[in-house]
């Protein structure tokens, strides 16, 4: 998306909040993470560009309607929906903006980060950020099955772009055996990192499928028999390796007994924002919403509409 396109999208969002949602300029500024003066300017720009008529004449208005529907249905604290014309790029860009807004906050905070293709694409969009007051902790291990650095672990890429202190987990996502998982997770240094992730103000995670083409199998962490067993047990999705069913309940036993990742942070203390899109992801996203594993969602319009239908 061009810089001009992004500016119009921001103007359309501000106009929708003002003219449709009835928000004040102070409320718009808080929602969008901008100053009151910028919020006022964006609304005025929308009018000047002819976006404000009887309705907001921009595809983003439909996206905001979908986001509001998702918020109401699942009690979400945060929800953004990208247009469906380029869902992968749109979701990655929105995710990058959300991460940037949190890292630009002046008060010190801990940000937890998961792994996955969408997160990796989002981190690539970030500018250099000077935020030494913050801490970034990985929710997942950074070691691939062959001992190399896991390709879709994003913490190292993020640490190259920001000055916040970063805390990787020197573990595999899923250990070969329960005994190895207990051994590595029981180390005092690992226990400290896991406690740190549980205290994060915000966590950004990908939402993976379970079954044919599952990322955990493609990346070598699980075998086909492992996945078959999860599907037979009712698994529909996974977050940082933790498999769950259609109600968002973690699967008992199986590969979950070997997951070395930190637990998914509790929604009561951490805003867990999931990012995913595509028809194949709908059951996994719905399960995460149903089980309140996430309190925020970034997706595209087509996926959002499918979620609201079910």
C-alpha atoms as a PDB file:
ATOM      1  CA  UNK A   1       0.000   0.000   0.000  1.00  0.00           C
ATOM      2  CA  UNK A   2       1.356   3.469  -0.919  1.00  0.00           C
ATOM      3  CA  UNK A   3       1.941   6.167   1.678  1.00  0.00           C
ATOM      4  CA  UNK A   4      -0.997   8.127   0.239  1.00  0.00           C
ATOM      5  CA  UNK A   5      -3.200   5.050   0.501  1.00  0.00           C
ATOM      6  CA  UNK A   6      -2.283   4.605   4.154  1.00  0.00           C
ATOM      7  CA  UNK A   7      -3.077   8.258   4.875  1.00  0.00           C
ATOM      8  CA  UNK A   8      -6.506   7.917   3.273  1.00  0.00           C
ATOM      9  CA  UNK A   9      -7.126   4.721   5.225  1.00  0.00           C
ATOM     10  CA  UNK A  10      -6.302   6.520   8.479  1.00  0.00           C
ATOM     11  CA  UNK A  11      -8.561   9.415   7.475  1.00  0.00           C
ATOM     12  CA  UNK A  12     -11.396   6.989   6.663  1.00  0.00           C
ATOM     13  CA  UNK A  13     -10.945   5.268  10.019  1.00  0.00           C
ATOM     14  CA  UNK A  14     -11.037   8.573  11.904  1.00  0.00           C
ATOM     15  CA  UNK A  15     -14.131   9.667   9.949  1.00  0.00           C
ATOM     16  CA  UNK A  16     -15.932   6.397  10.678  1.00  0.00           C
ATOM     17  CA  UNK A  17     -15.174   6.739  14.397  1.00  0.00           C
ATOM     18  CA  UNK A  18     -16.437  10.321  14.358  1.00  0.00           C
ATOM     19  CA  UNK A  19     -19.501  10.190  12.119  1.00  0.00           C
ATOM     20  CA  UNK A  20     -20.672   6.581  12.534  1.00  0.00           C
ATOM     21  CA  UNK A  21     -19.442   5.464  15.962  1.00  0.00           C
ATOM     22  CA  UNK A  22     -20.037   8.908  17.470  1.00  0.00           C
ATOM     23  CA  UNK A  23     -16.647   9.094  19.166  1.00  0.00           C
ATOM     24  CA  UNK A  24     -15.182  12.361  20.450  1.00  0.00           C
ATOM     25  CA  UNK A  25     -11.838  13.604  19.168  1.00  0.00           C
ATOM     26  CA  UNK A  26     -10.200  12.586  22.456  1.00  0.00           C
ATOM     27  CA  UNK A  27     -11.675   9.085  22.116  1.00  0.00           C
ATOM     28  CA  UNK A  28     -10.555   8.841  18.475  1.00  0.00           C
ATOM     29  CA  UNK A  29      -7.051   9.895  19.501  1.00  0.00           C
ATOM     30  CA  UNK A  30      -6.953   7.176  22.152  1.00  0.00           C
ATOM     31  CA  UNK A  31      -8.256   4.446  19.851  1.00  0.00           C
ATOM     32  CA  UNK A  32      -5.869   5.304  17.029  1.00  0.00           C
ATOM     33  CA  UNK A  33      -2.860   6.078  19.205  1.00  0.00           C
ATOM     34  CA  UNK A  34      -2.432   9.632  17.884  1.00  0.00           C
ATOM     35  CA  UNK A  35      -2.683  13.122  19.364  1.00  0.00           C
ATOM     36  CA  UNK A  36      -6.006  14.968  19.566  1.00  0.00           C
ATOM     37  CA  UNK A  37      -4.765  17.426  16.952  1.00  0.00           C
ATOM     38  CA  UNK A  38      -3.901  14.590  14.550  1.00  0.00           C
ATOM     39  CA  UNK A  39      -7.322  13.021  15.074  1.00  0.00           C
ATOM     40  CA  UNK A  40      -8.977  16.346  14.247  1.00  0.00           C
ATOM     41  CA  UNK A  41      -6.812  16.718  11.136  1.00  0.00           C
ATOM     42  CA  UNK A  42      -7.633  13.203   9.915  1.00  0.00           C
ATOM     43  CA  UNK A  43     -11.383  13.791  10.203  1.00  0.00           C
ATOM     44  CA  UNK A  44     -11.013  17.068   8.318  1.00  0.00           C
ATOM     45  CA  UNK A  45      -8.921  15.319   5.649  1.00  0.00           C
ATOM     46  CA  UNK A  46     -11.636  12.707   5.141  1.00  0.00           C
ATOM     47  CA  UNK A  47     -14.147  15.473   4.502  1.00  0.00           C
ATOM     48  CA  UNK A  48     -11.771  17.296   2.135  1.00  0.00           C
ATOM     49  CA  UNK A  49     -11.092  14.107   0.154  1.00  0.00           C
ATOM     50  CA  UNK A  50     -14.819  13.497  -0.341  1.00  0.00           C
ATOM     51  CA  UNK A  51     -14.864  10.345   1.781  1.00  0.00           C
ATOM     52  CA  UNK A  52     -17.639  11.635   4.020  1.00  0.00           C
ATOM     53  CA  UNK A  53     -21.027  11.625   2.321  1.00  0.00           C
ATOM     54  CA  UNK A  54     -24.045   9.691   3.525  1.00  0.00           C
ATOM     55  CA  UNK A  55     -21.591   6.898   4.351  1.00  0.00           C
ATOM     56  CA  UNK A  56     -17.825   6.575   4.579  1.00  0.00           C
ATOM     57  CA  UNK A  57     -16.950   6.036   0.918  1.00  0.00           C
ATOM     58  CA  UNK A  58     -13.996   3.740   1.479  1.00  0.00           C
ATOM     59  CA  UNK A  59     -13.669  -0.051   1.807  1.00  0.00           C
ATOM     60  CA  UNK A  60     -12.220   0.440   5.248  1.00  0.00           C
ATOM     61  CA  UNK A  61     -15.640   1.463   6.580  1.00  0.00           C
ATOM     62  CA  UNK A  62     -16.907  -2.090   5.939  1.00  0.00           C
ATOM     63  CA  UNK A  63     -13.815  -3.453   7.690  1.00  0.00           C
ATOM     64  CA  UNK A  64     -14.557  -1.353  10.759  1.00  0.00           C
ATOM     65  CA  UNK A  65     -18.144  -2.610  10.832  1.00  0.00           C
ATOM     66  CA  UNK A  66     -16.822  -6.182  10.797  1.00  0.00           C
ATOM     67  CA  UNK A  67     -14.309  -5.375  13.530  1.00  0.00           C
ATOM     68  CA  UNK A  68     -17.056  -3.912  15.701  1.00  0.00           C
ATOM     69  CA  UNK A  69     -19.161  -7.050  15.158  1.00  0.00           C
ATOM     70  CA  UNK A  70     -16.272  -9.262  16.251  1.00  0.00           C
ATOM     71  CA  UNK A  71     -15.650  -7.096  19.312  1.00  0.00           C
ATOM     72  CA  UNK A  72     -19.250  -7.347  20.429  1.00  0.00           C
ATOM     73  CA  UNK A  73     -19.605 -11.068  19.743  1.00  0.00           C
ATOM     74  CA  UNK A  74     -16.490 -12.193  21.603  1.00  0.00           C
ATOM     75  CA  UNK A  75     -15.906  -9.289  23.987  1.00  0.00           C
ATOM     76  CA  UNK A  76     -12.613  -8.345  22.376  1.00  0.00           C
ATOM     77  CA  UNK A  77     -10.500  -5.518  23.730  1.00  0.00           C
ATOM     78  CA  UNK A  78      -8.817  -4.944  20.368  1.00  0.00           C
ATOM     79  CA  UNK A  79      -9.835  -5.817  16.813  1.00  0.00           C
ATOM     80  CA  UNK A  80      -8.717  -4.625  13.398  1.00  0.00           C
ATOM     81  CA  UNK A  81      -9.836  -5.908   9.997  1.00  0.00           C
ATOM     82  CA  UNK A  82      -7.921  -5.331   6.759  1.00  0.00           C
ATOM     83  CA  UNK A  83      -9.543  -5.180   3.303  1.00  0.00           C
ATOM     84  CA  UNK A  84      -9.614  -8.515   1.473  1.00  0.00           C
ATOM     85  CA  UNK A  85      -8.045  -7.326  -1.784  1.00  0.00           C
ATOM     86  CA  UNK A  86      -4.557  -8.060  -0.401  1.00  0.00           C
ATOM     87  CA  UNK A  87      -5.178  -9.858   2.905  1.00  0.00           C
ATOM     88  CA  UNK A  88      -1.656 -11.055   3.605  1.00  0.00           C
ATOM     89  CA  UNK A  89      -0.102  -7.620   3.135  1.00  0.00           C
ATOM     90  CA  UNK A  90      -2.974  -5.837   4.860  1.00  0.00           C
ATOM     91  CA  UNK A  91      -2.938  -8.021   7.976  1.00  0.00           C
ATOM     92  CA  UNK A  92       0.867  -7.810   8.209  1.00  0.00           C
ATOM     93  CA  UNK A  93       0.760  -4.025   7.922  1.00  0.00           C
ATOM     94  CA  UNK A  94      -1.939  -3.682  10.588  1.00  0.00           C
ATOM     95  CA  UNK A  95      -0.004  -6.021  12.868  1.00  0.00           C
ATOM     96  CA  UNK A  96       3.167  -3.989  12.346  1.00  0.00           C
ATOM     97  CA  UNK A  97       1.285  -0.790  13.219  1.00  0.00           C
ATOM     98  CA  UNK A  98      -0.085  -2.382  16.405  1.00  0.00           C
ATOM     99  CA  UNK A  99       3.362  -3.585  17.519  1.00  0.00           C
ATOM    100  CA  UNK A 100       4.837  -0.154  16.753  1.00  0.00           C
ATOM    101  CA  UNK A 101       2.165   1.673  18.760  1.00  0.00           C
ATOM    102  CA  UNK A 102       2.891  -0.466  21.816  1.00  0.00           C
ATOM    103  CA  UNK A 103       6.651  -0.008  21.504  1.00  0.00           C
ATOM    104  CA  UNK A 104       6.241   3.767  21.203  1.00  0.00           C
ATOM    105  CA  UNK A 105       4.553   3.963  24.597  1.00  0.00           C
ATOM    106  CA  UNK A 106       6.716   5.902  27.041  1.00  0.00           C
ATOM    107  CA  UNK A 107       5.963   3.826  30.148  1.00  0.00           C
ATOM    108  CA  UNK A 108       8.095   0.668  30.518  1.00  0.00           C
ATOM    109  CA  UNK A 109       6.331  -2.565  29.588  1.00  0.00           C
ATOM    110  CA  UNK A 110       6.979  -6.186  28.696  1.00  0.00           C
ATOM    111  CA  UNK A 111       5.878  -7.307  25.236  1.00  0.00           C
ATOM    112  CA  UNK A 112       5.664 -11.035  24.514  1.00  0.00           C
ATOM    113  CA  UNK A 113       6.004 -12.320  20.966  1.00  0.00           C
ATOM    114  CA  UNK A 114       5.096 -15.616  19.350  1.00  0.00           C
ATOM    115  CA  UNK A 115       6.168 -16.951  15.986  1.00  0.00           C
ATOM    116  CA  UNK A 116       4.854 -17.616  12.507  1.00  0.00           C
ATOM    117  CA  UNK A 117       4.698 -16.380   8.969  1.00  0.00           C
ATOM    118  CA  UNK A 118       2.303 -13.485   9.587  1.00  0.00           C
ATOM    119  CA  UNK A 119       4.378 -12.185  12.478  1.00  0.00           C
ATOM    120  CA  UNK A 120       7.555 -12.439  10.433  1.00  0.00           C
ATOM    121  CA  UNK A 121       5.956 -10.461   7.587  1.00  0.00           C
ATOM    122  CA  UNK A 122       4.772  -7.819  10.065  1.00  0.00           C
ATOM    123  CA  UNK A 123       8.136  -7.361  11.758  1.00  0.00           C
ATOM    124  CA  UNK A 124       9.687  -6.745   8.333  1.00  0.00           C
ATOM    125  CA  UNK A 125       7.464  -3.635   8.076  1.00  0.00           C
ATOM    126  CA  UNK A 126       8.723  -2.021  11.279  1.00  0.00           C
ATOM    127  CA  UNK A 127      11.028   1.009  11.303  1.00  0.00           C
ATOM    128  CA  UNK A 128      13.940   1.330  13.710  1.00  0.00           C
ATOM    129  CA  UNK A 129      12.548   2.146  17.161  1.00  0.00           C
ATOM    130  CA  UNK A 130      14.447   3.572  20.108  1.00  0.00           C
ATOM    131  CA  UNK A 131      12.637   2.115  23.148  1.00  0.00           C
ATOM    132  CA  UNK A 132      15.194   0.926  25.722  1.00  0.00           C
ATOM    133  CA  UNK A 133      12.586   1.201  28.484  1.00  0.00           C
ATOM    134  CA  UNK A 134      10.768  -1.906  27.221  1.00  0.00           C
ATOM    135  CA  UNK A 135      11.446  -5.662  27.381  1.00  0.00           C
ATOM    136  CA  UNK A 136      10.567  -8.162  24.637  1.00  0.00           C
ATOM    137  CA  UNK A 137      10.331 -11.823  25.573  1.00  0.00           C
ATOM    138  CA  UNK A 138       9.772 -14.765  23.258  1.00  0.00           C
ATOM    139  CA  UNK A 139       6.885 -17.122  23.965  1.00  0.00           C
ATOM    140  CA  UNK A 140       8.434 -19.884  21.871  1.00  0.00           C
ATOM    141  CA  UNK A 141      11.798 -21.535  21.536  1.00  0.00           C
ATOM    142  CA  UNK A 142      14.214 -20.439  18.843  1.00  0.00           C
ATOM    143  CA  UNK A 143      15.741 -23.838  18.052  1.00  0.00           C
ATOM    144  CA  UNK A 144      14.622 -25.856  15.016  1.00  0.00           C
ATOM    145  CA  UNK A 145      14.564 -29.686  15.102  1.00  0.00           C
ATOM    146  CA  UNK A 146      17.983 -29.850  13.403  1.00  0.00           C
ATOM    147  CA  UNK A 147      19.546 -27.516  15.987  1.00  0.00           C
ATOM    148  CA  UNK A 148      19.541 -24.429  13.776  1.00  0.00           C
ATOM    149  CA  UNK A 149      17.731 -21.181  14.480  1.00  0.00           C
ATOM    150  CA  UNK A 150      14.014 -21.603  13.826  1.00  0.00           C
ATOM    151  CA  UNK A 151      13.243 -19.704  10.615  1.00  0.00           C
ATOM    152  CA  UNK A 152       9.909 -18.242  11.696  1.00  0.00           C
ATOM    153  CA  UNK A 153      11.051 -17.168  15.145  1.00  0.00           C
ATOM    154  CA  UNK A 154      10.817 -13.378  14.939  1.00  0.00           C
ATOM    155  CA  UNK A 155      12.529 -12.209  18.128  1.00  0.00           C
ATOM    156  CA  UNK A 156      15.997 -11.925  16.597  1.00  0.00           C
ATOM    157  CA  UNK A 157      14.691  -9.896  13.643  1.00  0.00           C
ATOM    158  CA  UNK A 158      12.771  -7.648  16.017  1.00  0.00           C
ATOM    159  CA  UNK A 159      15.789  -7.154  18.272  1.00  0.00           C
ATOM    160  CA  UNK A 160      17.743  -5.864  15.261  1.00  0.00           C
ATOM    161  CA  UNK A 161      15.135  -3.126  14.772  1.00  0.00           C
ATOM    162  CA  UNK A 162      14.447  -1.941  18.306  1.00  0.00           C
ATOM    163  CA  UNK A 163      16.614  -1.013  21.265  1.00  0.00           C
ATOM    164  CA  UNK A 164      14.408  -2.766  23.807  1.00  0.00           C
ATOM    165  CA  UNK A 165      16.090  -5.593  25.723  1.00  0.00           C
ATOM    166  CA  UNK A 166      15.165  -8.951  24.196  1.00  0.00           C
ATOM    167  CA  UNK A 167      14.876 -12.288  25.963  1.00  0.00           C
ATOM    168  CA  UNK A 168      14.871 -15.386  23.712  1.00  0.00           C
ATOM    169  CA  UNK A 169      13.895 -18.859  24.867  1.00  0.00           C
ATOM    170  CA  UNK A 170      16.812 -21.189  23.994  1.00  0.00           C
ATOM    171  CA  UNK A 171      14.475 -24.146  23.480  1.00  0.00           C
ATOM    172  CA  UNK A 172      12.663 -26.041  20.741  1.00  0.00           C
ATOM    173  CA  UNK A 173       8.960 -25.270  20.283  1.00  0.00           C
ATOM    174  CA  UNK A 174       8.198 -28.936  21.006  1.00  0.00           C
ATOM    175  CA  UNK A 175      10.708 -31.172  22.749  1.00  0.00           C
ATOM    176  CA  UNK A 176      11.323 -34.730  21.486  1.00  0.00           C
ATOM    177  CA  UNK A 177      10.175 -36.261  24.790  1.00  0.00           C
ATOM    178  CA  UNK A 178       8.325 -35.260  27.964  1.00  0.00           C
ATOM    179  CA  UNK A 179      11.491 -35.904  29.958  1.00  0.00           C
ATOM    180  CA  UNK A 180      13.505 -33.453  27.857  1.00  0.00           C
ATOM    181  CA  UNK A 181      10.737 -30.871  28.088  1.00  0.00           C
ATOM    182  CA  UNK A 182      10.671 -31.103  31.884  1.00  0.00           C
ATOM    183  CA  UNK A 183      14.463 -30.882  32.025  1.00  0.00           C
ATOM    184  CA  UNK A 184      14.769 -27.728  29.943  1.00  0.00           C
ATOM    185  CA  UNK A 185      11.711 -25.960  31.370  1.00  0.00           C
ATOM    186  CA  UNK A 186      12.892 -26.655  34.895  1.00  0.00           C
ATOM    187  CA  UNK A 187      16.081 -24.631  34.488  1.00  0.00           C
ATOM    188  CA  UNK A 188      15.993 -21.491  36.697  1.00  0.00           C
ATOM    189  CA  UNK A 189      16.818 -19.158  33.783  1.00  0.00           C
ATOM    190  CA  UNK A 190      13.975 -20.603  31.685  1.00  0.00           C
ATOM    191  CA  UNK A 191      11.549 -20.407  34.586  1.00  0.00           C
ATOM    192  CA  UNK A 192      12.361 -16.687  34.952  1.00  0.00           C
ATOM    193  CA  UNK A 193      11.630 -16.052  31.276  1.00  0.00           C
ATOM    194  CA  UNK A 194       8.346 -17.943  31.462  1.00  0.00           C
ATOM    195  CA  UNK A 195       7.299 -15.869  34.493  1.00  0.00           C
ATOM    196  CA  UNK A 196       8.262 -12.736  32.579  1.00  0.00           C
ATOM    197  CA  UNK A 197       6.054 -13.701  29.631  1.00  0.00           C
ATOM    198  CA  UNK A 198       3.109 -14.314  31.969  1.00  0.00           C
ATOM    199  CA  UNK A 199       3.446 -10.724  33.235  1.00  0.00           C
ATOM    200  CA  UNK A 200       3.519  -9.154  29.746  1.00  0.00           C
ATOM    201  CA  UNK A 201       1.184  -6.235  29.097  1.00  0.00           C
ATOM    202  CA  UNK A 202       0.612  -7.401  25.520  1.00  0.00           C
ATOM    203  CA  UNK A 203       1.429 -10.514  23.491  1.00  0.00           C
ATOM    204  CA  UNK A 204       1.317 -10.912  19.717  1.00  0.00           C
ATOM    205  CA  UNK A 205       0.806 -14.465  18.445  1.00  0.00           C
ATOM    206  CA  UNK A 206       0.117 -16.295  15.222  1.00  0.00           C
ATOM    207  CA  UNK A 207      -2.726 -18.795  14.985  1.00  0.00           C
ATOM    208  CA  UNK A 208      -1.864 -22.045  13.257  1.00  0.00           C
ATOM    209  CA  UNK A 209      -3.932 -24.820  11.736  1.00  0.00           C
ATOM    210  CA  UNK A 210      -3.789 -28.469  12.749  1.00  0.00           C
ATOM    211  CA  UNK A 211      -4.013 -31.032   9.991  1.00  0.00           C
ATOM    212  CA  UNK A 212      -2.853 -31.094   6.386  1.00  0.00           C
ATOM    213  CA  UNK A 213      -0.223 -28.432   5.780  1.00  0.00           C
ATOM    214  CA  UNK A 214       0.034 -27.518   9.470  1.00  0.00           C
ATOM    215  CA  UNK A 215       3.001 -25.200  10.171  1.00  0.00           C
ATOM    216  CA  UNK A 216       4.205 -27.422  13.019  1.00  0.00           C
ATOM    217  CA  UNK A 217       4.593 -30.307  10.576  1.00  0.00           C
ATOM    218  CA  UNK A 218       6.030 -28.213   7.744  1.00  0.00           C
ATOM    219  CA  UNK A 219       8.635 -26.832  10.124  1.00  0.00           C
ATOM    220  CA  UNK A 220       9.531 -30.306  11.378  1.00  0.00           C
ATOM    221  CA  UNK A 221       8.288 -30.080  14.961  1.00  0.00           C
ATOM    222  CA  UNK A 222       5.556 -32.716  14.571  1.00  0.00           C
ATOM    223  CA  UNK A 223       5.187 -35.834  12.438  1.00  0.00           C
ATOM    224  CA  UNK A 224       2.119 -36.822  10.450  1.00  0.00           C
ATOM    225  CA  UNK A 225       1.116 -39.394  13.113  1.00  0.00           C
ATOM    226  CA  UNK A 226       1.406 -36.642  15.740  1.00  0.00           C
ATOM    227  CA  UNK A 227      -0.974 -34.442  13.747  1.00  0.00           C
ATOM    228  CA  UNK A 228      -3.364 -37.316  13.052  1.00  0.00           C
ATOM    229  CA  UNK A 229      -3.577 -37.968  16.782  1.00  0.00           C
ATOM    230  CA  UNK A 230      -4.314 -34.304  17.496  1.00  0.00           C
ATOM    231  CA  UNK A 231      -7.065 -34.188  14.878  1.00  0.00           C
ATOM    232  CA  UNK A 232      -8.581 -37.377  16.271  1.00  0.00           C
ATOM    233  CA  UNK A 233      -8.607 -35.718  19.699  1.00  0.00           C
ATOM    234  CA  UNK A 234     -10.549 -32.754  18.275  1.00  0.00           C
ATOM    235  CA  UNK A 235      -7.748 -30.226  17.758  1.00  0.00           C
ATOM    236  CA  UNK A 236      -8.562 -27.371  15.363  1.00  0.00           C
ATOM    237  CA  UNK A 237      -5.682 -24.964  15.943  1.00  0.00           C
ATOM    238  CA  UNK A 238      -2.515 -24.125  17.816  1.00  0.00           C
ATOM    239  CA  UNK A 239      -0.881 -21.071  19.327  1.00  0.00           C
ATOM    240  CA  UNK A 240       2.869 -21.230  20.003  1.00  0.00           C
ATOM    241  CA  UNK A 241       2.621 -25.020  19.722  1.00  0.00           C
ATOM    242  CA  UNK A 242      -0.274 -25.443  22.182  1.00  0.00           C
ATOM    243  CA  UNK A 243      -3.061 -27.352  20.392  1.00  0.00           C
ATOM    244  CA  UNK A 244      -6.693 -26.699  21.304  1.00  0.00           C
ATOM    245  CA  UNK A 245     -10.174 -27.833  20.254  1.00  0.00           C
ATOM    246  CA  UNK A 246     -13.181 -25.978  18.810  1.00  0.00           C
ATOM    247  CA  UNK A 247     -14.086 -24.647  22.272  1.00  0.00           C
ATOM    248  CA  UNK A 248     -10.579 -23.366  22.871  1.00  0.00           C
ATOM    249  CA  UNK A 249      -9.718 -26.087  25.387  1.00  0.00           C
ATOM    250  CA  UNK A 250      -6.117 -27.294  25.345  1.00  0.00           C
ATOM    251  CA  UNK A 251      -5.818 -30.900  24.181  1.00  0.00           C
ATOM    252  CA  UNK A 252      -4.846 -33.194  27.032  1.00  0.00           C
ATOM    253  CA  UNK A 253      -1.675 -35.200  26.505  1.00  0.00           C
ATOM    254  CA  UNK A 254      -0.257 -35.952  23.047  1.00  0.00           C
ATOM    255  CA  UNK A 255       2.136 -33.280  21.743  1.00  0.00           C
ATOM    256  CA  UNK A 256       0.956 -30.756  24.353  1.00  0.00           C
ATOM    257  CA  UNK A 257       2.873 -32.801  26.920  1.00  0.00           C
ATOM    258  CA  UNK A 258       6.052 -31.965  25.010  1.00  0.00           C
ATOM    259  CA  UNK A 259       5.462 -28.272  24.265  1.00  0.00           C
ATOM    260  CA  UNK A 260       8.417 -26.310  25.631  1.00  0.00           C
ATOM    261  CA  UNK A 261       6.939 -22.916  24.761  1.00  0.00           C
ATOM    262  CA  UNK A 262       5.733 -20.643  27.527  1.00  0.00           C
ATOM    263  CA  UNK A 263       2.028 -21.011  28.313  1.00  0.00           C
ATOM    264  CA  UNK A 264      -0.313 -18.687  26.431  1.00  0.00           C
ATOM    265  CA  UNK A 265      -0.485 -15.630  28.737  1.00  0.00           C
ATOM    266  CA  UNK A 266      -3.741 -15.324  30.688  1.00  0.00           C
ATOM    267  CA  UNK A 267      -6.303 -12.998  29.128  1.00  0.00           C
ATOM    268  CA  UNK A 268      -7.048 -11.521  32.567  1.00  0.00           C
ATOM    269  CA  UNK A 269      -3.586  -9.930  32.808  1.00  0.00           C
ATOM    270  CA  UNK A 270      -2.272  -9.803  29.224  1.00  0.00           C
ATOM    271  CA  UNK A 271      -3.837  -8.499  26.030  1.00  0.00           C
ATOM    272  CA  UNK A 272      -3.132 -11.454  23.727  1.00  0.00           C
ATOM    273  CA  UNK A 273      -3.555 -10.329  20.106  1.00  0.00           C
ATOM    274  CA  UNK A 274      -3.811 -13.074  17.504  1.00  0.00           C
ATOM    275  CA  UNK A 275      -3.108 -12.429  13.829  1.00  0.00           C
ATOM    276  CA  UNK A 276      -4.329 -14.785  11.102  1.00  0.00           C
ATOM    277  CA  UNK A 277      -6.364 -14.802   7.901  1.00  0.00           C
ATOM    278  CA  UNK A 278      -7.752 -17.164   5.294  1.00  0.00           C
ATOM    279  CA  UNK A 279     -10.612 -19.636   5.037  1.00  0.00           C
ATOM    280  CA  UNK A 280      -8.432 -22.499   6.274  1.00  0.00           C
ATOM    281  CA  UNK A 281      -7.747 -20.545   9.485  1.00  0.00           C
ATOM    282  CA  UNK A 282     -11.410 -19.887  10.381  1.00  0.00           C
ATOM    283  CA  UNK A 283     -11.876 -22.967  12.654  1.00  0.00           C
ATOM    284  CA  UNK A 284      -8.595 -22.235  14.451  1.00  0.00           C
ATOM    285  CA  UNK A 285      -9.429 -18.548  14.949  1.00  0.00           C
ATOM    286  CA  UNK A 286     -12.977 -19.332  16.092  1.00  0.00           C
ATOM    287  CA  UNK A 287     -11.662 -21.868  18.606  1.00  0.00           C
ATOM    288  CA  UNK A 288      -9.200 -19.323  20.016  1.00  0.00           C
ATOM    289  CA  UNK A 289     -12.009 -16.770  20.331  1.00  0.00           C
ATOM    290  CA  UNK A 290     -14.446 -19.277  21.811  1.00  0.00           C
ATOM    291  CA  UNK A 291     -11.966 -20.343  24.467  1.00  0.00           C
ATOM    292  CA  UNK A 292     -10.899 -16.763  25.229  1.00  0.00           C
ATOM    293  CA  UNK A 293      -7.304 -17.662  24.408  1.00  0.00           C
ATOM    294  CA  UNK A 294      -7.006 -14.270  22.716  1.00  0.00           C
ATOM    295  CA  UNK A 295      -8.445 -10.883  23.636  1.00  0.00           C
ATOM    296  CA  UNK A 296      -7.538  -9.179  20.385  1.00  0.00           C
ATOM    297  CA  UNK A 297      -7.613 -10.112  16.704  1.00  0.00           C
ATOM    298  CA  UNK A 298      -6.147  -8.813  13.462  1.00  0.00           C
ATOM    299  CA  UNK A 299      -7.573 -10.440  10.331  1.00  0.00           C
ATOM    300  CA  UNK A 300      -9.011  -9.592   6.902  1.00  0.00           C
ATOM    301  CA  UNK A 301     -12.572  -8.824   5.835  1.00  0.00           C
ATOM    302  CA  UNK A 302     -13.285 -12.209   4.252  1.00  0.00           C
ATOM    303  CA  UNK A 303     -12.126 -14.093   7.332  1.00  0.00           C
ATOM    304  CA  UNK A 304     -14.017 -11.723   9.649  1.00  0.00           C
ATOM    305  CA  UNK A 305     -17.244 -12.218   7.695  1.00  0.00           C
ATOM    306  CA  UNK A 306     -16.838 -16.016   7.890  1.00  0.00           C
ATOM    307  CA  UNK A 307     -16.277 -15.818  11.649  1.00  0.00           C
ATOM    308  CA  UNK A 308     -19.449 -13.786  12.125  1.00  0.00           C
ATOM    309  CA  UNK A 309     -21.507 -16.266  10.091  1.00  0.00           C
ATOM    310  CA  UNK A 310     -20.726 -19.260  12.249  1.00  0.00           C
END
